[in-house]
Amino acid sequence: MKNKPFTTDGCSGGMSWFWNNVLRRETPWRHACVVHDLQYWLGGTKDDRLHSDIRLFADVVKNGHSIIALLMFIAVRIGGSAYWPTSYRWGYRYGYLQQKYNKREKEGIEIARKICADRHIKLDF
C-alpha cells in the first residue's frame, strides 16, 4: 500500500475555524499544530508521540492559554493513538495498523523536513 500524503487542518477540533471566523485572526499557535500534524503523519515510537504532544502543550502554554493547552493535551493523548482507525492517528501516512509504534524512517524524516522548509516552519527532530 502506498503511503498517504501529508495533510493538515491547522488546529483540529474547530479551533482554527473559531479563531479564523469568530475572532477573525489566525490561531496564535497554528504553527505548533501544523508541526504536530506533521509528526503524527510521520509516526514513530511511543516516546516520539509523547514528545510531540508535550511540545504542542508547551507551545500553547507559551501563548498564554494553559487551560486550552491542557484540554488539547488530553484530547491528543486519548484520540491520537496509532490503534484508532482514524485519519489523524499516530503514523497516519501508513495504512491502518501498518506502522504502529516503530522507529521513524529516514525517508519520512527527509520528507517532513522538506514540507516544513516549504512552509517556513522550524522542525527540530
PDB file of N, CA and C in Angstrom:
ATOM      1  N   MET A   1       0.836  -1.179   0.000  1.00  0.00           N
ATOM      2  CA  MET A   1       0.000   0.000   0.000  1.00  0.00           C
ATOM      3  C   MET A   1       0.886   1.251   0.000  1.00  0.00           C
ATOM      4  N   LYS A   2       0.529   2.226  -0.794  1.00  0.00           N
ATOM      5  CA  LYS A   2       1.283   3.466  -0.904  1.00  0.00           C
ATOM      6  C   LYS A   2       1.025   4.357   0.316  1.00  0.00           C
ATOM      7  N   ASN A   3       2.078   5.052   0.763  1.00  0.00           N
ATOM      8  CA  ASN A   3       1.923   5.968   1.890  1.00  0.00           C
ATOM      9  C   ASN A   3       1.015   7.131   1.520  1.00  0.00           C
ATOM     10  N   LYS A   4       0.261   7.610   2.497  1.00  0.00           N
ATOM     11  CA  LYS A   4      -0.650   8.730   2.284  1.00  0.00           C
ATOM     12  C   LYS A   4       0.120  10.043   2.354  1.00  0.00           C
ATOM     13  N   PRO A   5      -0.286  11.045   1.560  1.00  0.00           N
ATOM     14  CA  PRO A   5       0.391  12.344   1.600  1.00  0.00           C
ATOM     15  C   PRO A   5       0.075  13.084   2.901  1.00  0.00           C
ATOM     16  N   PHE A   6       0.946  14.020   3.247  1.00  0.00           N
ATOM     17  CA  PHE A   6       0.735  14.838   4.439  1.00  0.00           C
ATOM     18  C   PHE A   6      -0.468  15.750   4.246  1.00  0.00           C
ATOM     19  N   THR A   7      -1.294  15.829   5.274  1.00  0.00           N
ATOM     20  CA  THR A   7      -2.418  16.765   5.304  1.00  0.00           C
ATOM     21  C   THR A   7      -2.453  17.436   6.669  1.00  0.00           C
ATOM     22  N   THR A   8      -2.983  18.633   6.705  1.00  0.00           N
ATOM     23  CA  THR A   8      -3.162  19.333   7.977  1.00  0.00           C
ATOM     24  C   THR A   8      -4.412  20.192   7.906  1.00  0.00           C
ATOM     25  N   ASP A   9      -5.074  20.333   9.027  1.00  0.00           N
ATOM     26  CA  ASP A   9      -6.213  21.250   9.123  1.00  0.00           C
ATOM     27  C   ASP A   9      -5.878  22.388  10.074  1.00  0.00           C
ATOM     28  N   GLY A  10      -4.577  22.573  10.306  1.00  0.00           N
ATOM     29  CA  GLY A  10      -4.178  23.580  11.290  1.00  0.00           C
ATOM     30  C   GLY A  10      -4.433  23.002  12.669  1.00  0.00           C
ATOM     31  N   CYS A  11      -5.251  23.653  13.439  1.00  0.00           N
ATOM     32  CA  CYS A  11      -5.597  23.157  14.771  1.00  0.00           C
ATOM     33  C   CYS A  11      -6.978  22.520  14.710  1.00  0.00           C
ATOM     34  N   SER A  12      -7.041  21.262  15.082  1.00  0.00           N
ATOM     35  CA  SER A  12      -8.264  20.465  14.958  1.00  0.00           C
ATOM     36  C   SER A  12      -9.317  20.849  15.985  1.00  0.00           C
ATOM     37  N   GLY A  13     -10.421  20.153  15.914  1.00  0.00           N
ATOM     38  CA  GLY A  13     -11.492  20.339  16.885  1.00  0.00           C
ATOM     39  C   GLY A  13     -12.233  21.654  16.731  1.00  0.00           C
ATOM     40  N   GLY A  14     -12.182  22.236  15.542  1.00  0.00           N
ATOM     41  CA  GLY A  14     -12.863  23.501  15.311  1.00  0.00           C
ATOM     42  C   GLY A  14     -12.088  24.719  15.794  1.00  0.00           C
ATOM     43  N   MET A  15     -10.888  24.478  16.328  1.00  0.00           N
ATOM     44  CA  MET A  15     -10.121  25.585  16.885  1.00  0.00           C
ATOM     45  C   MET A  15      -9.698  26.592  15.818  1.00  0.00           C
ATOM     46  N   SER A  16      -9.147  26.109  14.710  1.00  0.00           N
ATOM     47  CA  SER A  16      -8.762  27.037  13.636  1.00  0.00           C
ATOM     48  C   SER A  16      -9.985  27.761  13.093  1.00  0.00           C
ATOM     49  N   TRP A  17     -11.085  27.050  12.933  1.00  0.00           N
ATOM     50  CA  TRP A  17     -12.312  27.672  12.437  1.00  0.00           C
ATOM     51  C   TRP A  17     -12.755  28.788  13.377  1.00  0.00           C
ATOM     52  N   PHE A  18     -12.751  28.529  14.677  1.00  0.00           N
ATOM     53  CA  PHE A  18     -13.181  29.527  15.663  1.00  0.00           C
ATOM     54  C   PHE A  18     -12.305  30.780  15.601  1.00  0.00           C
ATOM     55  N   TRP A  19     -10.989  30.586  15.616  1.00  0.00           N
ATOM     56  CA  TRP A  19     -10.085  31.741  15.577  1.00  0.00           C
ATOM     57  C   TRP A  19     -10.243  32.509  14.262  1.00  0.00           C
ATOM     58  N   ASN A  20     -10.330  31.791  13.147  1.00  0.00           N
ATOM     59  CA  ASN A  20     -10.406  32.449  11.838  1.00  0.00           C
ATOM     60  C   ASN A  20     -11.748  33.133  11.589  1.00  0.00           C
ATOM     61  N   ASN A  21     -12.844  32.497  11.985  1.00  0.00           N
ATOM     62  CA  ASN A  21     -14.177  33.005  11.630  1.00  0.00           C
ATOM     63  C   ASN A  21     -14.856  33.818  12.715  1.00  0.00           C
ATOM     64  N   VAL A  22     -14.590  33.519  13.955  1.00  0.00           N
ATOM     65  CA  VAL A  22     -15.228  34.262  15.048  1.00  0.00           C
ATOM     66  C   VAL A  22     -14.318  35.398  15.517  1.00  0.00           C
ATOM     67  N   LEU A  23     -13.068  35.071  15.821  1.00  0.00           N
ATOM     68  CA  LEU A  23     -12.135  36.093  16.304  1.00  0.00           C
ATOM     69  C   LEU A  23     -11.465  36.862  15.166  1.00  0.00           C
ATOM     70  N   ARG A  24     -11.617  36.337  13.947  1.00  0.00           N
ATOM     71  CA  ARG A  24     -11.079  36.962  12.732  1.00  0.00           C
ATOM     72  C   ARG A  24      -9.566  37.181  12.776  1.00  0.00           C
ATOM     73  N   ARG A  25      -8.872  36.181  13.263  1.00  0.00           N
ATOM     74  CA  ARG A  25      -7.404  36.188  13.231  1.00  0.00           C
ATOM     75  C   ARG A  25      -6.899  34.751  13.275  1.00  0.00           C
ATOM     76  N   GLU A  26      -5.629  34.603  12.955  1.00  0.00           N
ATOM     77  CA  GLU A  26      -5.002  33.271  12.914  1.00  0.00           C
ATOM     78  C   GLU A  26      -4.829  32.738  14.338  1.00  0.00           C
ATOM     79  N   THR A  27      -4.991  31.435  14.495  1.00  0.00           N
ATOM     80  CA  THR A  27      -4.736  30.796  15.782  1.00  0.00           C
ATOM     81  C   THR A  27      -3.286  31.081  16.172  1.00  0.00           C
ATOM     82  N   PRO A  28      -3.037  31.644  17.364  1.00  0.00           N
ATOM     83  CA  PRO A  28      -1.672  32.050  17.737  1.00  0.00           C
ATOM     84  C   PRO A  28      -0.645  30.918  17.721  1.00  0.00           C
ATOM     85  N   TRP A  29      -1.072  29.697  17.910  1.00  0.00           N
ATOM     86  CA  TRP A  29      -0.159  28.556  17.954  1.00  0.00           C
ATOM     87  C   TRP A  29      -0.373  27.625  16.761  1.00  0.00           C
ATOM     88  N   ARG A  30      -0.903  28.151  15.651  1.00  0.00           N
ATOM     89  CA  ARG A  30      -1.178  27.322  14.472  1.00  0.00           C
ATOM     90  C   ARG A  30       0.074  26.597  13.978  1.00  0.00           C
ATOM     91  N   HIS A  31       1.214  27.280  13.979  1.00  0.00           N
ATOM     92  CA  HIS A  31       2.465  26.644  13.538  1.00  0.00           C
ATOM     93  C   HIS A  31       2.743  25.383  14.353  1.00  0.00           C
ATOM     94  N   ALA A  32       2.448  25.420  15.650  1.00  0.00           N
ATOM     95  CA  ALA A  32       2.672  24.252  16.505  1.00  0.00           C
ATOM     96  C   ALA A  32       1.722  23.119  16.126  1.00  0.00           C
ATOM     97  N   CYS A  33       0.490  23.463  15.740  1.00  0.00           N
ATOM     98  CA  CYS A  33      -0.469  22.443  15.304  1.00  0.00           C
ATOM     99  C   CYS A  33      -0.026  21.785  13.999  1.00  0.00           C
ATOM    100  N   VAL A  34       0.516  22.585  13.084  1.00  0.00           N
ATOM    101  CA  VAL A  34       0.981  22.024  11.810  1.00  0.00           C
ATOM    102  C   VAL A  34       2.163  21.087  12.046  1.00  0.00           C
ATOM    103  N   VAL A  35       3.107  21.496  12.903  1.00  0.00           N
ATOM    104  CA  VAL A  35       4.242  20.623  13.233  1.00  0.00           C
ATOM    105  C   VAL A  35       3.732  19.353  13.912  1.00  0.00           C
ATOM    106  N   HIS A  36       2.762  19.479  14.809  1.00  0.00           N
ATOM    107  CA  HIS A  36       2.173  18.326  15.489  1.00  0.00           C
ATOM    108  C   HIS A  36       1.522  17.389  14.474  1.00  0.00           C
ATOM    109  N   ASP A  37       0.772  17.955  13.520  1.00  0.00           N
ATOM    110  CA  ASP A  37       0.162  17.129  12.469  1.00  0.00           C
ATOM    111  C   ASP A  37       1.236  16.415  11.650  1.00  0.00           C
ATOM    112  N   LEU A  38       2.311  17.128  11.351  1.00  0.00           N
ATOM    113  CA  LEU A  38       3.400  16.531  10.572  1.00  0.00           C
ATOM    114  C   LEU A  38       4.046  15.381  11.343  1.00  0.00           C
ATOM    115  N   GLN A  39       4.240  15.555  12.631  1.00  0.00           N
ATOM    116  CA  GLN A  39       4.822  14.487  13.439  1.00  0.00           C
ATOM    117  C   GLN A  39       3.862  13.295  13.529  1.00  0.00           C
ATOM    118  N   TYR A  40       2.568  13.569  13.599  1.00  0.00           N
ATOM    119  CA  TYR A  40       1.592  12.479  13.617  1.00  0.00           C
ATOM    120  C   TYR A  40       1.573  11.751  12.276  1.00  0.00           C
ATOM    121  N   TRP A  41       1.701  12.475  11.199  1.00  0.00           N
ATOM    122  CA  TRP A  41       1.783  11.850   9.869  1.00  0.00           C
ATOM    123  C   TRP A  41       3.001  10.938   9.800  1.00  0.00           C
ATOM    124  N   LEU A  42       4.122  11.438  10.298  1.00  0.00           N
ATOM    125  CA  LEU A  42       5.379  10.708  10.232  1.00  0.00           C
ATOM    126  C   LEU A  42       5.366   9.471  11.129  1.00  0.00           C
ATOM    127  N   GLY A  43       4.767   9.590  12.303  1.00  0.00           N
ATOM    128  CA  GLY A  43       4.736   8.469  13.239  1.00  0.00           C
ATOM    129  C   GLY A  43       6.055   8.299  13.968  1.00  0.00           C
ATOM    130  N   GLY A  44       6.268   7.138  14.519  1.00  0.00           N
ATOM    131  CA  GLY A  44       7.476   6.852  15.276  1.00  0.00           C
ATOM    132  C   GLY A  44       7.154   6.061  16.523  1.00  0.00           C
ATOM    133  N   THR A  45       8.030   6.149  17.501  1.00  0.00           N
ATOM    134  CA  THR A  45       7.874   5.384  18.742  1.00  0.00           C
ATOM    135  C   THR A  45       6.861   6.058  19.672  1.00  0.00           C
ATOM    136  N   LYS A  46       6.521   5.361  20.748  1.00  0.00           N
ATOM    137  CA  LYS A  46       5.633   5.952  21.758  1.00  0.00           C
ATOM    138  C   LYS A  46       6.287   7.174  22.394  1.00  0.00           C
ATOM    139  N   ASP A  47       7.595   7.136  22.574  1.00  0.00           N
ATOM    140  CA  ASP A  47       8.308   8.298  23.113  1.00  0.00           C
ATOM    141  C   ASP A  47       8.250   9.477  22.143  1.00  0.00           C
ATOM    142  N   ASP A  48       8.357   9.210  20.828  1.00  0.00           N
ATOM    143  CA  ASP A  48       8.228  10.273  19.826  1.00  0.00           C
ATOM    144  C   ASP A  48       6.858  10.939  19.937  1.00  0.00           C
ATOM    145  N   ARG A  49       5.833  10.122  20.099  1.00  0.00           N
ATOM    146  CA  ARG A  49       4.468  10.658  20.192  1.00  0.00           C
ATOM    147  C   ARG A  49       4.309  11.506  21.451  1.00  0.00           C
ATOM    148  N   LEU A  50       4.797  11.005  22.580  1.00  0.00           N
ATOM    149  CA  LEU A  50       4.700  11.766  23.825  1.00  0.00           C
ATOM    150  C   LEU A  50       5.434  13.099  23.696  1.00  0.00           C
ATOM    151  N   HIS A  51       6.637  13.084  23.117  1.00  0.00           N
ATOM    152  CA  HIS A  51       7.408  14.311  22.914  1.00  0.00           C
ATOM    153  C   HIS A  51       6.626  15.294  22.034  1.00  0.00           C
ATOM    154  N   SER A  52       6.006  14.798  20.982  1.00  0.00           N
ATOM    155  CA  SER A  52       5.211  15.637  20.084  1.00  0.00           C
ATOM    156  C   SER A  52       4.037  16.279  20.824  1.00  0.00           C
ATOM    157  N   ASP A  53       3.340  15.497  21.637  1.00  0.00           N
ATOM    158  CA  ASP A  53       2.189  16.013  22.381  1.00  0.00           C
ATOM    159  C   ASP A  53       2.620  17.018  23.452  1.00  0.00           C
ATOM    160  N   ILE A  54       3.730  16.760  24.116  1.00  0.00           N
ATOM    161  CA  ILE A  54       4.246  17.690  25.124  1.00  0.00           C
ATOM    162  C   ILE A  54       4.674  19.005  24.469  1.00  0.00           C
ATOM    163  N   ARG A  55       5.294  18.909  23.302  1.00  0.00           N
ATOM    164  CA  ARG A  55       5.718  20.126  22.599  1.00  0.00           C
ATOM    165  C   ARG A  55       4.506  20.980  22.223  1.00  0.00           C
ATOM    166  N   LEU A  56       3.439  20.350  21.726  1.00  0.00           N
ATOM    167  CA  LEU A  56       2.229  21.094  21.401  1.00  0.00           C
ATOM    168  C   LEU A  56       1.685  21.774  22.656  1.00  0.00           C
ATOM    169  N   PHE A  57       1.606  21.044  23.748  1.00  0.00           N
ATOM    170  CA  PHE A  57       1.145  21.589  25.029  1.00  0.00           C
ATOM    171  C   PHE A  57       1.971  22.812  25.422  1.00  0.00           C
ATOM    172  N   ALA A  58       3.289  22.678  25.363  1.00  0.00           N
ATOM    173  CA  ALA A  58       4.181  23.772  25.765  1.00  0.00           C
ATOM    174  C   ALA A  58       4.019  24.997  24.874  1.00  0.00           C
ATOM    175  N   ASP A  59       3.857  24.788  23.574  1.00  0.00           N
ATOM    176  CA  ASP A  59       3.690  25.909  22.649  1.00  0.00           C
ATOM    177  C   ASP A  59       2.385  26.668  22.910  1.00  0.00           C
ATOM    178  N   VAL A  60       1.330  25.961  23.241  1.00  0.00           N
ATOM    179  CA  VAL A  60       0.052  26.621  23.532  1.00  0.00           C
ATOM    180  C   VAL A  60       0.148  27.372  24.864  1.00  0.00           C
ATOM    181  N   VAL A  61       0.808  26.785  25.853  1.00  0.00           N
ATOM    182  CA  VAL A  61       1.024  27.466  27.139  1.00  0.00           C
ATOM    183  C   VAL A  61       1.827  28.750  26.930  1.00  0.00           C
ATOM    184  N   LYS A  62       2.867  28.681  26.089  1.00  0.00           N
ATOM    185  CA  LYS A  62       3.690  29.878  25.806  1.00  0.00           C
ATOM    186  C   LYS A  62       2.865  31.023  25.255  1.00  0.00           C
ATOM    187  N   ASN A  63       1.765  30.691  24.600  1.00  0.00           N
ATOM    188  CA  ASN A  63       0.884  31.707  24.047  1.00  0.00           C
ATOM    189  C   ASN A  63      -0.181  32.166  25.045  1.00  0.00           C
ATOM    190  N   GLY A  64      -0.042  31.742  26.299  1.00  0.00           N
ATOM    191  CA  GLY A  64      -0.919  32.218  27.357  1.00  0.00           C
ATOM    192  C   GLY A  64      -2.250  31.508  27.487  1.00  0.00           C
ATOM    193  N   HIS A  65      -2.340  30.289  27.006  1.00  0.00           N
ATOM    194  CA  HIS A  65      -3.613  29.562  27.026  1.00  0.00           C
ATOM    195  C   HIS A  65      -3.433  28.198  27.702  1.00  0.00           C
ATOM    196  N   SER A  66      -3.145  28.207  28.990  1.00  0.00           N
ATOM    197  CA  SER A  66      -2.819  26.960  29.688  1.00  0.00           C
ATOM    198  C   SER A  66      -4.000  25.997  29.804  1.00  0.00           C
ATOM    199  N   ILE A  67      -5.206  26.495  29.967  1.00  0.00           N
ATOM    200  CA  ILE A  67      -6.363  25.600  30.072  1.00  0.00           C
ATOM    201  C   ILE A  67      -6.631  24.938  28.720  1.00  0.00           C
ATOM    202  N   ILE A  68      -6.570  25.716  27.641  1.00  0.00           N
ATOM    203  CA  ILE A  68      -6.739  25.138  26.299  1.00  0.00           C
ATOM    204  C   ILE A  68      -5.628  24.127  26.042  1.00  0.00           C
ATOM    205  N   ALA A  69      -4.400  24.448  26.467  1.00  0.00           N
ATOM    206  CA  ALA A  69      -3.267  23.530  26.283  1.00  0.00           C
ATOM    207  C   ALA A  69      -3.527  22.200  26.968  1.00  0.00           C
ATOM    208  N   LEU A  70      -4.033  22.249  28.186  1.00  0.00           N
ATOM    209  CA  LEU A  70      -4.320  21.013  28.922  1.00  0.00           C
ATOM    210  C   LEU A  70      -5.416  20.206  28.231  1.00  0.00           C
ATOM    211  N   LEU A  71      -6.471  20.878  27.785  1.00  0.00           N
ATOM    212  CA  LEU A  71      -7.551  20.174  27.078  1.00  0.00           C
ATOM    213  C   LEU A  71      -7.053  19.551  25.780  1.00  0.00           C
ATOM    214  N   MET A  72      -6.212  20.287  25.050  1.00  0.00           N
ATOM    215  CA  MET A  72      -5.643  19.749  23.810  1.00  0.00           C
ATOM    216  C   MET A  72      -4.760  18.541  24.100  1.00  0.00           C
ATOM    217  N   PHE A  73      -3.939  18.623  25.157  1.00  0.00           N
ATOM    218  CA  PHE A  73      -3.050  17.520  25.518  1.00  0.00           C
ATOM    219  C   PHE A  73      -3.859  16.259  25.828  1.00  0.00           C
ATOM    220  N   ILE A  74      -4.903  16.414  26.625  1.00  0.00           N
ATOM    221  CA  ILE A  74      -5.753  15.260  26.964  1.00  0.00           C
ATOM    222  C   ILE A  74      -6.388  14.686  25.695  1.00  0.00           C
ATOM    223  N   ALA A  75      -6.875  15.562  24.817  1.00  0.00           N
ATOM    224  CA  ALA A  75      -7.533  15.100  23.585  1.00  0.00           C
ATOM    225  C   ALA A  75      -6.573  14.326  22.686  1.00  0.00           C
ATOM    226  N   VAL A  76      -5.354  14.838  22.500  1.00  0.00           N
ATOM    227  CA  VAL A  76      -4.431  14.133  21.604  1.00  0.00           C
ATOM    228  C   VAL A  76      -3.904  12.845  22.231  1.00  0.00           C
ATOM    229  N   ARG A  77      -3.772  12.822  23.551  1.00  0.00           N
ATOM    230  CA  ARG A  77      -3.314  11.589  24.204  1.00  0.00           C
ATOM    231  C   ARG A  77      -4.376  10.495  24.078  1.00  0.00           C
ATOM    232  N   ILE A  78      -5.638  10.857  24.189  1.00  0.00           N
ATOM    233  CA  ILE A  78      -6.713   9.860  24.089  1.00  0.00           C
ATOM    234  C   ILE A  78      -7.012   9.532  22.619  1.00  0.00           C
ATOM    235  N   GLY A  79      -7.166  10.545  21.788  1.00  0.00           N
ATOM    236  CA  GLY A  79      -7.651  10.337  20.424  1.00  0.00           C
ATOM    237  C   GLY A  79      -6.602  10.083  19.369  1.00  0.00           C
ATOM    238  N   GLY A  80      -5.307  10.240  19.706  1.00  0.00           N
ATOM    239  CA  GLY A  80      -4.277  10.139  18.685  1.00  0.00           C
ATOM    240  C   GLY A  80      -3.547   8.818  18.591  1.00  0.00           C
ATOM    241  N   SER A  81      -3.983   7.830  19.319  1.00  0.00           N
ATOM    242  CA  SER A  81      -3.309   6.530  19.316  1.00  0.00           C
ATOM    243  C   SER A  81      -3.243   5.922  17.917  1.00  0.00           C
ATOM    244  N   ALA A  82      -2.152   5.229  17.646  1.00  0.00           N
ATOM    245  CA  ALA A  82      -1.988   4.530  16.363  1.00  0.00           C
ATOM    246  C   ALA A  82      -3.025   3.423  16.192  1.00  0.00           C
ATOM    247  N   TYR A  83      -3.672   3.035  17.266  1.00  0.00           N
ATOM    248  CA  TYR A  83      -4.608   1.922  17.217  1.00  0.00           C
ATOM    249  C   TYR A  83      -6.046   2.349  16.913  1.00  0.00           C
ATOM    250  N   TRP A  84      -6.311   3.649  16.840  1.00  0.00           N
ATOM    251  CA  TRP A  84      -7.634   4.131  16.436  1.00  0.00           C
ATOM    252  C   TRP A  84      -7.709   4.142  14.915  1.00  0.00           C
ATOM    253  N   PRO A  85      -8.813   3.732  14.330  1.00  0.00           N
ATOM    254  CA  PRO A  85      -8.946   3.731  12.859  1.00  0.00           C
ATOM    255  C   PRO A  85      -9.395   5.100  12.328  1.00  0.00           C
ATOM    256  N   THR A  86      -8.598   6.128  12.610  1.00  0.00           N
ATOM    257  CA  THR A  86      -8.945   7.488  12.201  1.00  0.00           C
ATOM    258  C   THR A  86      -7.924   8.016  11.197  1.00  0.00           C
ATOM    259  N   SER A  87      -8.285   9.091  10.540  1.00  0.00           N
ATOM    260  CA  SER A  87      -7.395   9.689   9.545  1.00  0.00           C
ATOM    261  C   SER A  87      -6.324  10.566  10.188  1.00  0.00           C
ATOM    262  N   TYR A  88      -6.389  10.785  11.484  1.00  0.00           N
ATOM    263  CA  TYR A  88      -5.429  11.656  12.167  1.00  0.00           C
ATOM    264  C   TYR A  88      -4.632  10.925  13.248  1.00  0.00           C
ATOM    265  N   ARG A  89      -4.687   9.614  13.246  1.00  0.00           N
ATOM    266  CA  ARG A  89      -3.984   8.826  14.268  1.00  0.00           C
ATOM    267  C   ARG A  89      -2.465   8.933  14.098  1.00  0.00           C
ATOM    268  N   TRP A  90      -1.732   8.510  15.083  1.00  0.00           N
ATOM    269  CA  TRP A  90      -0.269   8.480  15.037  1.00  0.00           C
ATOM    270  C   TRP A  90       0.169   7.592  13.874  1.00  0.00           C
ATOM    271  N   GLY A  91       1.036   8.112  13.013  1.00  0.00           N
ATOM    272  CA  GLY A  91       1.532   7.369  11.870  1.00  0.00           C
ATOM    273  C   GLY A  91       0.524   7.255  10.742  1.00  0.00           C
ATOM    274  N   TYR A  92      -0.314   8.289  10.546  1.00  0.00           N
ATOM    275  CA  TYR A  92      -1.393   8.180   9.558  1.00  0.00           C
ATOM    276  C   TYR A  92      -0.916   8.172   8.109  1.00  0.00           C
ATOM    277  N   ARG A  93       0.374   8.322   7.885  1.00  0.00           N
ATOM    278  CA  ARG A  93       0.851   8.208   6.494  1.00  0.00           C
ATOM    279  C   ARG A  93       0.795   6.753   6.020  1.00  0.00           C
ATOM    280  N   TYR A  94       0.707   5.845   6.962  1.00  0.00           N
ATOM    281  CA  TYR A  94       0.635   4.417   6.657  1.00  0.00           C
ATOM    282  C   TYR A  94      -0.809   3.945   6.731  1.00  0.00           C
ATOM    283  N   GLY A  95      -1.090   2.802   6.146  1.00  0.00           N
ATOM    284  CA  GLY A  95      -2.409   2.193   6.288  1.00  0.00           C
ATOM    285  C   GLY A  95      -2.658   1.833   7.749  1.00  0.00           C
ATOM    286  N   TYR A  96      -3.915   1.666   8.095  1.00  0.00           N
ATOM    287  CA  TYR A  96      -4.295   1.363   9.469  1.00  0.00           C
ATOM    288  C   TYR A  96      -3.552   0.120   9.984  1.00  0.00           C
ATOM    289  N   LEU A  97      -2.942   0.259  11.121  1.00  0.00           N
ATOM    290  CA  LEU A  97      -2.168  -0.774  11.827  1.00  0.00           C
ATOM    291  C   LEU A  97      -0.936  -1.260  11.065  1.00  0.00           C
ATOM    292  N   GLN A  98      -0.486  -0.532  10.065  1.00  0.00           N
ATOM    293  CA  GLN A  98       0.740  -0.921   9.369  1.00  0.00           C
ATOM    294  C   GLN A  98       1.982  -0.373  10.072  1.00  0.00           C
ATOM    295  N   GLN A  99       1.862   0.784  10.703  1.00  0.00           N
ATOM    296  CA  GLN A  99       3.030   1.411  11.307  1.00  0.00           C
ATOM    297  C   GLN A  99       3.129   1.151  12.797  1.00  0.00           C
ATOM    298  N   LYS A 100       2.059   1.274  13.498  1.00  0.00           N
ATOM    299  CA  LYS A 100       2.014   1.160  14.956  1.00  0.00           C
ATOM    300  C   LYS A 100       3.020   2.115  15.578  1.00  0.00           C
ATOM    301  N   TYR A 101       3.960   1.606  16.360  1.00  0.00           N
ATOM    302  CA  TYR A 101       4.916   2.482  17.051  1.00  0.00           C
ATOM    303  C   TYR A 101       6.346   2.061  16.733  1.00  0.00           C
ATOM    304  N   ASN A 102       6.714   2.128  15.472  1.00  0.00           N
ATOM    305  CA  ASN A 102       8.054   1.760  15.041  1.00  0.00           C
ATOM    306  C   ASN A 102       8.950   2.995  14.946  1.00  0.00           C
ATOM    307  N   LYS A 103      10.225   2.743  14.833  1.00  0.00           N
ATOM    308  CA  LYS A 103      11.188   3.822  14.654  1.00  0.00           C
ATOM    309  C   LYS A 103      10.895   4.575  13.355  1.00  0.00           C
ATOM    310  N   ARG A 104      11.102   5.883  13.384  1.00  0.00           N
ATOM    311  CA  ARG A 104      10.851   6.704  12.196  1.00  0.00           C
ATOM    312  C   ARG A 104      11.812   6.351  11.075  1.00  0.00           C
ATOM    313  N   GLU A 105      11.277   6.332   9.865  1.00  0.00           N
ATOM    314  CA  GLU A 105      12.089   6.041   8.692  1.00  0.00           C
ATOM    315  C   GLU A 105      12.832   7.290   8.246  1.00  0.00           C
ATOM    316  N   LYS A 106      14.055   7.119   7.791  1.00  0.00           N
ATOM    317  CA  LYS A 106      14.863   8.238   7.306  1.00  0.00           C
ATOM    318  C   LYS A 106      14.152   8.971   6.168  1.00  0.00           C
ATOM    319  N   GLU A 107      13.553   8.229   5.246  1.00  0.00           N
ATOM    320  CA  GLU A 107      12.854   8.837   4.114  1.00  0.00           C
ATOM    321  C   GLU A 107      11.730   9.752   4.600  1.00  0.00           C
ATOM    322  N   GLY A 108      10.968   9.311   5.585  1.00  0.00           N
ATOM    323  CA  GLY A 108       9.876  10.120   6.120  1.00  0.00           C
ATOM    324  C   GLY A 108      10.368  11.390   6.779  1.00  0.00           C
ATOM    325  N   ILE A 109      11.473  11.291   7.488  1.00  0.00           N
ATOM    326  CA  ILE A 109      12.043  12.473   8.138  1.00  0.00           C
ATOM    327  C   ILE A 109      12.478  13.496   7.100  1.00  0.00           C
ATOM    328  N   GLU A 110      13.087  13.039   6.019  1.00  0.00           N
ATOM    329  CA  GLU A 110      13.503  13.960   4.952  1.00  0.00           C
ATOM    330  C   GLU A 110      12.295  14.635   4.294  1.00  0.00           C
ATOM    331  N   ILE A 111      11.235  13.890   4.072  1.00  0.00           N
ATOM    332  CA  ILE A 111      10.012  14.465   3.503  1.00  0.00           C
ATOM    333  C   ILE A 111       9.443  15.509   4.473  1.00  0.00           C
ATOM    334  N   ALA A 112       9.413  15.182   5.762  1.00  0.00           N
ATOM    335  CA  ALA A 112       8.899  16.115   6.772  1.00  0.00           C
ATOM    336  C   ALA A 112       9.721  17.405   6.808  1.00  0.00           C
ATOM    337  N   ARG A 113      11.032  17.277   6.724  1.00  0.00           N
ATOM    338  CA  ARG A 113      11.891  18.471   6.714  1.00  0.00           C
ATOM    339  C   ARG A 113      11.599  19.345   5.495  1.00  0.00           C
ATOM    340  N   LYS A 114      11.394  18.722   4.343  1.00  0.00           N
ATOM    341  CA  LYS A 114      11.095  19.492   3.123  1.00  0.00           C
ATOM    342  C   LYS A 114       9.746  20.194   3.247  1.00  0.00           C
ATOM    343  N   ILE A 115       8.745  19.504   3.768  1.00  0.00           N
ATOM    344  CA  ILE A 115       7.425  20.112   3.961  1.00  0.00           C
ATOM    345  C   ILE A 115       7.547  21.342   4.859  1.00  0.00           C
ATOM    346  N   CYS A 116       8.283  21.211   5.948  1.00  0.00           N
ATOM    347  CA  CYS A 116       8.464  22.342   6.872  1.00  0.00           C
ATOM    348  C   CYS A 116       9.241  23.481   6.216  1.00  0.00           C
ATOM    349  N   ALA A 117      10.286  23.155   5.488  1.00  0.00           N
ATOM    350  CA  ALA A 117      11.072  24.190   4.813  1.00  0.00           C
ATOM    351  C   ALA A 117      10.207  24.951   3.818  1.00  0.00           C
ATOM    352  N   ASP A 118       9.375  24.239   3.072  1.00  0.00           N
ATOM    353  CA  ASP A 118       8.488  24.877   2.093  1.00  0.00           C
ATOM    354  C   ASP A 118       7.483  25.812   2.764  1.00  0.00           C
ATOM    355  N   ARG A 119       7.121  25.506   4.002  1.00  0.00           N
ATOM    356  CA  ARG A 119       6.136  26.312   4.736  1.00  0.00           C
ATOM    357  C   ARG A 119       6.802  27.270   5.727  1.00  0.00           C
ATOM    358  N   HIS A 120       8.129  27.320   5.719  1.00  0.00           N
ATOM    359  CA  HIS A 120       8.907  28.186   6.625  1.00  0.00           C
ATOM    360  C   HIS A 120       8.593  27.891   8.099  1.00  0.00           C
ATOM    361  N   ILE A 121       8.529  26.608   8.416  1.00  0.00           N
ATOM    362  CA  ILE A 121       8.271  26.159   9.775  1.00  0.00           C
ATOM    363  C   ILE A 121       9.504  25.429  10.281  1.00  0.00           C
ATOM    364  N   LYS A 122       9.907  25.741  11.511  1.00  0.00           N
ATOM    365  CA  LYS A 122      11.060  25.085  12.106  1.00  0.00           C
ATOM    366  C   LYS A 122      10.678  23.697  12.601  1.00  0.00           C
ATOM    367  N   LEU A 123      11.462  22.704  12.235  1.00  0.00           N
ATOM    368  CA  LEU A 123      11.245  21.324  12.675  1.00  0.00           C
ATOM    369  C   LEU A 123      12.506  20.889  13.391  1.00  0.00           C
ATOM    370  N   ASP A 124      12.377  20.463  14.640  1.00  0.00           N
ATOM    371  CA  ASP A 124      13.568  20.180  15.443  1.00  0.00           C
ATOM    372  C   ASP A 124      13.722  18.722  15.832  1.00  0.00           C
ATOM    373  N   PHE A 125      13.609  17.827  14.876  1.00  0.00           N
ATOM    374  CA  PHE A 125      13.930  16.428  15.166  1.00  0.00           C
ATOM    375  C   PHE A 125      14.735  15.862  14.031  1.00  0.00           C
TER     376      PHE A 125
END
